[in-house]
């Protein structure tokens, strides 16, 4: 059974930082395209960041570029998202997701999400 489990969410003041983590079981993060998505109340789920399996290419949504950083840890078992200079518009439930290749149309596996709340 494939499981992706997010952690690290919480509450932070505007301008602060949070680091989210995604732990995989039955699934190898190193050999798959991994992504982070988020969904705020009343809004559609949106892409945040992704990292390629075959190399270290990273892609980011325009509104988080320069503030967020996606990475794999040195065991390739955990996916991370470091979020810096947070603002209230970043408040959302954040989801970890995986697919075989980043050029594939759809993500195959999803975690349950972790809530990040940014107060002004």
Protein backbone atom coordinates (compact mmCIF):
# COMPACT_ATOMS: atom_id res chain seq x y z
CA UNK A 1 0.00 0.00 0.00
CA UNK A 2 1.39 3.37 -1.05
CA UNK A 3 1.11 6.12 1.55
CA UNK A 4 2.25 9.73 1.54
CA UNK A 5 1.98 11.48 4.90
CA UNK A 6 2.49 15.21 5.30
CA UNK A 7 3.60 16.90 8.51
CA UNK A 8 5.02 20.19 9.72
CA UNK A 9 1.98 22.40 9.34
CA UNK A 10 0.94 24.91 11.95
CA UNK A 11 0.42 28.59 12.61
CA UNK A 12 2.95 31.33 11.96
CA UNK A 13 2.97 35.13 11.82
CA UNK A 14 3.27 36.92 8.50
CA UNK A 15 6.89 37.11 7.42
CA UNK A 16 7.75 33.88 9.19
CA UNK A 17 8.72 30.44 7.91
CA UNK A 18 7.48 26.86 7.97
CA UNK A 19 8.96 23.63 6.66
CA UNK A 20 6.58 20.89 5.55
CA UNK A 21 7.59 17.25 5.14
CA UNK A 22 6.15 14.30 3.23
CA UNK A 23 7.13 10.78 4.28
CA UNK A 24 6.59 7.95 1.79
CA UNK A 25 5.95 4.26 2.39
CA UNK A 26 5.62 1.70 -0.39
CA UNK A 27 6.92 4.40 -2.73
CA UNK A 28 10.37 5.72 -3.63
CA UNK A 29 10.51 9.51 -3.79
CA UNK A 30 13.87 9.49 -5.57
CA UNK A 31 12.48 7.63 -8.60
CA UNK A 32 9.31 9.67 -9.04
CA UNK A 33 8.25 13.19 -9.84
CA UNK A 34 7.08 14.77 -6.59
CA UNK A 35 4.96 17.84 -6.09
CA UNK A 36 3.32 20.07 -3.53
CA UNK A 37 -0.18 21.49 -3.96
CA UNK A 38 -2.38 23.62 -1.74
CA UNK A 39 -6.04 24.44 -1.35
CA UNK A 40 -7.51 27.38 0.54
CA UNK A 41 -11.17 27.58 1.64
CA UNK A 42 -13.41 28.48 -1.28
CA UNK A 43 -10.60 28.08 -3.81
CA UNK A 44 -9.48 25.36 -6.20
CA UNK A 45 -6.44 23.24 -5.50
CA UNK A 46 -3.36 24.85 -7.02
CA UNK A 47 0.14 23.79 -7.94
CA UNK A 48 2.93 25.00 -5.66
CA UNK A 49 6.17 23.22 -6.60
CA UNK A 50 7.61 20.05 -8.15
CA UNK A 51 10.95 18.26 -8.44
CA UNK A 52 11.98 15.89 -11.24
CA UNK A 53 12.94 12.25 -10.67
CA UNK A 54 15.71 12.02 -13.28
CA UNK A 55 17.49 15.21 -12.30
CA UNK A 56 17.21 18.05 -9.81
CA UNK A 57 15.02 20.38 -11.85
CA UNK A 58 12.60 22.33 -9.67
CA UNK A 59 9.48 24.20 -10.82
CA UNK A 60 7.47 26.73 -8.82
CA UNK A 61 4.22 28.63 -9.10
CA UNK A 62 4.85 32.30 -9.83
CA UNK A 63 3.45 33.53 -6.53
CA UNK A 64 5.80 31.36 -4.44
CA UNK A 65 8.94 31.59 -6.59
CA UNK A 66 11.85 32.91 -4.57
CA UNK A 67 10.10 32.21 -1.26
CA UNK A 68 9.51 28.44 -1.30
CA UNK A 69 12.01 25.63 -1.89
CA UNK A 70 11.26 21.97 -2.64
CA UNK A 71 13.82 19.27 -1.86
CA UNK A 72 14.46 15.61 -1.07
CA UNK A 73 16.39 14.69 2.06
CA UNK A 74 19.69 12.79 1.85
CA UNK A 75 17.93 9.41 2.22
CA UNK A 76 15.46 10.22 -0.59
CA UNK A 77 12.65 9.03 1.68
CA UNK A 78 11.27 12.43 2.60
CA UNK A 79 10.08 15.31 0.45
CA UNK A 80 10.30 18.78 1.98
CA UNK A 81 8.87 22.21 1.27
CA UNK A 82 10.55 25.14 2.98
CA UNK A 83 8.31 28.19 2.98
CA UNK A 84 9.81 31.60 3.76
CA UNK A 85 8.40 35.13 4.01
CA UNK A 86 4.91 33.77 4.41
CA UNK A 87 1.85 35.96 4.02
CA UNK A 88 -1.84 35.37 4.84
CA UNK A 89 -2.52 34.44 1.20
CA UNK A 90 -0.34 31.35 1.75
CA UNK A 91 -2.86 29.99 4.27
CA UNK A 92 -4.06 26.64 2.90
CA UNK A 93 -4.03 22.91 3.33
CA UNK A 94 -0.86 21.61 1.67
CA UNK A 95 -0.72 18.25 -0.11
CA UNK A 96 2.16 16.04 -1.17
CA UNK A 97 1.74 14.16 -4.47
CA UNK A 98 3.70 11.81 -6.72
CA UNK A 99 3.75 10.52 -10.31
CA UNK A 100 6.24 8.55 -12.39
CA UNK A 101 7.44 11.47 -14.55
CA UNK A 102 6.82 15.19 -14.29
CA UNK A 103 5.70 15.25 -17.94
CA UNK A 104 2.87 12.79 -17.12
CA UNK A 105 -0.57 14.41 -17.07
CA UNK A 106 -1.80 13.29 -13.66
CA UNK A 107 -0.44 12.72 -10.18
CA UNK A 108 -1.06 9.13 -9.06
CA UNK A 109 -0.68 9.34 -5.28
CA UNK A 110 -1.72 11.98 -2.77
CA UNK A 111 -1.28 12.55 0.93
CA UNK A 112 -4.00 13.65 3.33
CA UNK A 113 -2.67 17.19 3.67
CA UNK A 114 -1.36 19.40 6.45
CA UNK A 115 -2.75 22.81 7.37
CA UNK A 116 -0.59 25.93 7.32
CA UNK A 117 -2.10 29.12 8.72
CA UNK A 118 -0.42 32.52 8.39
CA UNK A 119 -1.71 35.28 10.65
CA UNK A 120 -1.38 38.98 9.96
